[in-house]
Amino acid sequence: MTPSPPVLVHLCSKDEWRAALADGEHRPVSLTANGFVHLSTPEQVHLPANRLYAGRTDLVLLRIDSARLSSPIRWEAGVPTDPAEMVFPHLYGPLPTAAVIRVTSYLPGADGRFAPLSG
């Protein structure tokens, strides 16, 4: 039996997601600036969420079926404050909305910080 491809996640604002639905793909600023879309595993998404979006209440969590992506994914180091052995998935192309299998709000706790997800 072949293992199923991992579910990956991406964070964006509700407005960015609405625009992506209209365009059929999500092209965040990082795609132009860095050449890739930042993705995470569900277990590590709280790290970039707290680093970049602490306190924001307009975020959605996009769950992505990686088998539906046509652009390459490379697993690469994050920032120096992340655990040394931790790597993050980077999508080297736009994120097609057809690859998104579930969209949920992603809200911080009362302290403005995001908690880890499980799977």
C-alpha atoms as a PDB file:
ATOM      1  CA  MET A   1       0.000   0.000   0.000  1.00  0.00           C
ATOM      2  CA  THR A   2       1.396   3.399  -1.005  1.00  0.00           C
ATOM      3  CA  PRO A   3       1.333   6.038   1.754  1.00  0.00           C
ATOM      4  CA  SER A   4      -0.896   8.996   1.045  1.00  0.00           C
ATOM      5  CA  PRO A   5       0.829  12.308   0.316  1.00  0.00           C
ATOM      6  CA  PRO A   6       0.982  14.675   3.260  1.00  0.00           C
ATOM      7  CA  VAL A   7      -1.562  17.353   3.940  1.00  0.00           C
ATOM      8  CA  LEU A   8       0.240  20.676   4.065  1.00  0.00           C
ATOM      9  CA  VAL A   9      -1.070  24.029   5.258  1.00  0.00           C
ATOM     10  CA  HIS A  10      -0.784  27.673   4.299  1.00  0.00           C
ATOM     11  CA  LEU A  11      -1.951  30.795   6.125  1.00  0.00           C
ATOM     12  CA  CYS A  12      -3.435  33.831   4.443  1.00  0.00           C
ATOM     13  CA  SER A  13      -6.042  36.467   5.154  1.00  0.00           C
ATOM     14  CA  LYS A  14      -9.690  35.929   4.325  1.00  0.00           C
ATOM     15  CA  ASP A  15      -9.412  38.677   1.692  1.00  0.00           C
ATOM     16  CA  GLU A  16      -6.391  37.019   0.053  1.00  0.00           C
ATOM     17  CA  TRP A  17      -8.293  33.715  -0.080  1.00  0.00           C
ATOM     18  CA  ARG A  18     -11.339  35.377  -1.686  1.00  0.00           C
ATOM     19  CA  ALA A  19      -9.058  36.903  -4.345  1.00  0.00           C
ATOM     20  CA  ALA A  20      -7.399  33.523  -4.929  1.00  0.00           C
ATOM     21  CA  LEU A  21     -10.782  31.868  -5.458  1.00  0.00           C
ATOM     22  CA  ALA A  22     -11.599  34.457  -8.120  1.00  0.00           C
ATOM     23  CA  ASP A  23      -8.213  33.893  -9.839  1.00  0.00           C
ATOM     24  CA  GLY A  24      -8.025  30.116  -9.415  1.00  0.00           C
ATOM     25  CA  GLU A  25      -4.670  30.363  -7.651  1.00  0.00           C
ATOM     26  CA  HIS A  26      -2.993  32.069  -4.709  1.00  0.00           C
ATOM     27  CA  ARG A  27       0.111  34.128  -5.454  1.00  0.00           C
ATOM     28  CA  PRO A  28       1.316  35.611  -2.161  1.00  0.00           C
ATOM     29  CA  VAL A  29       3.996  38.293  -2.047  1.00  0.00           C
ATOM     30  CA  SER A  30       6.575  35.627  -1.148  1.00  0.00           C
ATOM     31  CA  LEU A  31       6.158  34.019  -4.571  1.00  0.00           C
ATOM     32  CA  THR A  32       7.500  37.158  -6.261  1.00  0.00           C
ATOM     33  CA  ALA A  33       9.920  38.155  -3.495  1.00  0.00           C
ATOM     34  CA  ASN A  34      11.400  34.708  -2.708  1.00  0.00           C
ATOM     35  CA  GLY A  35      10.255  32.508  -5.586  1.00  0.00           C
ATOM     36  CA  PHE A  36       8.062  30.258  -3.442  1.00  0.00           C
ATOM     37  CA  VAL A  37       4.910  29.996  -1.326  1.00  0.00           C
ATOM     38  CA  HIS A  38       5.543  29.301   2.364  1.00  0.00           C
ATOM     39  CA  LEU A  39       3.828  26.112   3.510  1.00  0.00           C
ATOM     40  CA  SER A  40       3.951  24.189   6.787  1.00  0.00           C
ATOM     41  CA  THR A  41       2.901  20.899   8.243  1.00  0.00           C
ATOM     42  CA  PRO A  42      -0.096  21.131  10.578  1.00  0.00           C
ATOM     43  CA  GLU A  43       2.256  20.437  13.507  1.00  0.00           C
ATOM     44  CA  GLN A  44       4.581  23.367  12.766  1.00  0.00           C
ATOM     45  CA  VAL A  45       2.219  26.065  11.437  1.00  0.00           C
ATOM     46  CA  HIS A  46       2.003  27.825  14.811  1.00  0.00           C
ATOM     47  CA  LEU A  47       5.694  28.813  14.529  1.00  0.00           C
ATOM     48  CA  PRO A  48       5.369  31.089  11.476  1.00  0.00           C
ATOM     49  CA  ALA A  49       1.880  32.132  12.619  1.00  0.00           C
ATOM     50  CA  ASN A  50       3.268  33.506  15.872  1.00  0.00           C
ATOM     51  CA  ARG A  51       6.318  35.007  14.192  1.00  0.00           C
ATOM     52  CA  LEU A  52       4.365  36.805  11.459  1.00  0.00           C
ATOM     53  CA  TYR A  53       0.718  37.097  12.491  1.00  0.00           C
ATOM     54  CA  ALA A  54       0.454  37.212  16.310  1.00  0.00           C
ATOM     55  CA  GLY A  55      -2.851  38.773  17.330  1.00  0.00           C
ATOM     56  CA  ARG A  56      -4.435  38.734  13.861  1.00  0.00           C
ATOM     57  CA  THR A  57      -7.982  37.457  13.676  1.00  0.00           C
ATOM     58  CA  ASP A  58      -8.504  37.583   9.898  1.00  0.00           C
ATOM     59  CA  LEU A  59      -6.509  34.464   8.978  1.00  0.00           C
ATOM     60  CA  VAL A  60      -7.649  31.270   7.331  1.00  0.00           C
ATOM     61  CA  LEU A  61      -5.820  27.966   7.395  1.00  0.00           C
ATOM     62  CA  LEU A  62      -5.732  26.296   4.000  1.00  0.00           C
ATOM     63  CA  ARG A  63      -5.316  22.516   4.134  1.00  0.00           C
ATOM     64  CA  ILE A  64      -3.664  21.374   0.921  1.00  0.00           C
ATOM     65  CA  ASP A  65      -3.605  17.966  -0.729  1.00  0.00           C
ATOM     66  CA  SER A  66       0.017  17.897  -1.860  1.00  0.00           C
ATOM     67  CA  ALA A  67      -0.826  15.341  -4.565  1.00  0.00           C
ATOM     68  CA  ARG A  68      -2.816  18.073  -6.339  1.00  0.00           C
ATOM     69  CA  LEU A  69       0.181  20.412  -6.664  1.00  0.00           C
ATOM     70  CA  SER A  70       1.963  20.597  -9.989  1.00  0.00           C
ATOM     71  CA  SER A  71       4.855  22.850  -8.934  1.00  0.00           C
ATOM     72  CA  PRO A  72       7.779  21.377  -6.992  1.00  0.00           C
ATOM     73  CA  ILE A  73       7.929  21.343  -3.201  1.00  0.00           C
ATOM     74  CA  ARG A  74      11.317  21.656  -1.535  1.00  0.00           C
ATOM     75  CA  TRP A  75      11.820  21.038   2.180  1.00  0.00           C
ATOM     76  CA  GLU A  76      14.108  23.810   3.418  1.00  0.00           C
ATOM     77  CA  ALA A  77      15.277  25.410   6.656  1.00  0.00           C
ATOM     78  CA  GLY A  78      13.137  28.089   8.241  1.00  0.00           C
ATOM     79  CA  VAL A  79      14.607  30.927  10.285  1.00  0.00           C
ATOM     80  CA  PRO A  80      17.429  30.652  12.832  1.00  0.00           C
ATOM     81  CA  THR A  81      14.977  30.663  15.780  1.00  0.00           C
ATOM     82  CA  ASP A  82      13.285  27.473  14.523  1.00  0.00           C
ATOM     83  CA  PRO A  83      14.643  24.145  15.793  1.00  0.00           C
ATOM     84  CA  ALA A  84      17.852  23.378  13.859  1.00  0.00           C
ATOM     85  CA  GLU A  85      16.582  20.118  12.380  1.00  0.00           C
ATOM     86  CA  MET A  86      13.208  21.541  11.316  1.00  0.00           C
ATOM     87  CA  VAL A  87      12.505  22.056   7.625  1.00  0.00           C
ATOM     88  CA  PHE A  88       9.476  23.641   6.013  1.00  0.00           C
ATOM     89  CA  PRO A  89       7.817  22.846   2.675  1.00  0.00           C
ATOM     90  CA  HIS A  90       8.164  25.596   0.080  1.00  0.00           C
ATOM     91  CA  LEU A  91       6.023  25.497  -3.068  1.00  0.00           C
ATOM     92  CA  TYR A  92       7.943  26.798  -6.086  1.00  0.00           C
ATOM     93  CA  GLY A  93       4.926  28.064  -8.010  1.00  0.00           C
ATOM     94  CA  PRO A  94       1.460  29.448  -7.320  1.00  0.00           C
ATOM     95  CA  LEU A  95      -0.923  27.555  -5.057  1.00  0.00           C
ATOM     96  CA  PRO A  96      -3.883  26.336  -7.133  1.00  0.00           C
ATOM     97  CA  THR A  97      -7.175  26.691  -5.293  1.00  0.00           C
ATOM     98  CA  ALA A  98      -8.133  23.207  -6.543  1.00  0.00           C
ATOM     99  CA  ALA A  99      -5.416  21.768  -4.276  1.00  0.00           C
ATOM    100  CA  VAL A 100      -7.070  23.238  -1.166  1.00  0.00           C
ATOM    101  CA  ILE A 101      -9.270  20.600   0.453  1.00  0.00           C
ATOM    102  CA  ARG A 102     -10.401  22.496   3.540  1.00  0.00           C
ATOM    103  CA  VAL A 103     -10.468  26.104   4.735  1.00  0.00           C
ATOM    104  CA  THR A 104     -10.953  27.042   8.384  1.00  0.00           C
ATOM    105  CA  SER A 105     -10.469  30.154  10.478  1.00  0.00           C
ATOM    106  CA  TYR A 106      -7.234  30.204  12.425  1.00  0.00           C
ATOM    107  CA  LEU A 107      -7.624  32.308  15.532  1.00  0.00           C
ATOM    108  CA  PRO A 108      -5.106  33.151  18.238  1.00  0.00           C
ATOM    109  CA  GLY A 109      -5.780  32.585  21.916  1.00  0.00           C
ATOM    110  CA  ALA A 110      -6.616  35.376  24.345  1.00  0.00           C
ATOM    111  CA  ASP A 111      -2.890  36.157  24.597  1.00  0.00           C
ATOM    112  CA  GLY A 112      -2.683  36.755  20.827  1.00  0.00           C
ATOM    113  CA  ARG A 113      -0.591  33.619  20.218  1.00  0.00           C
ATOM    114  CA  PHE A 114      -1.454  30.651  18.027  1.00  0.00           C
ATOM    115  CA  ALA A 115      -1.450  27.153  19.491  1.00  0.00           C
ATOM    116  CA  PRO A 116      -0.001  24.099  17.753  1.00  0.00           C
ATOM    117  CA  LEU A 117      -2.405  21.996  15.679  1.00  0.00           C
ATOM    118  CA  SER A 118      -2.523  18.246  15.694  1.00  0.00           C
ATOM    119  CA  GLY A 119      -2.533  16.597  12.259  1.00  0.00           C
END
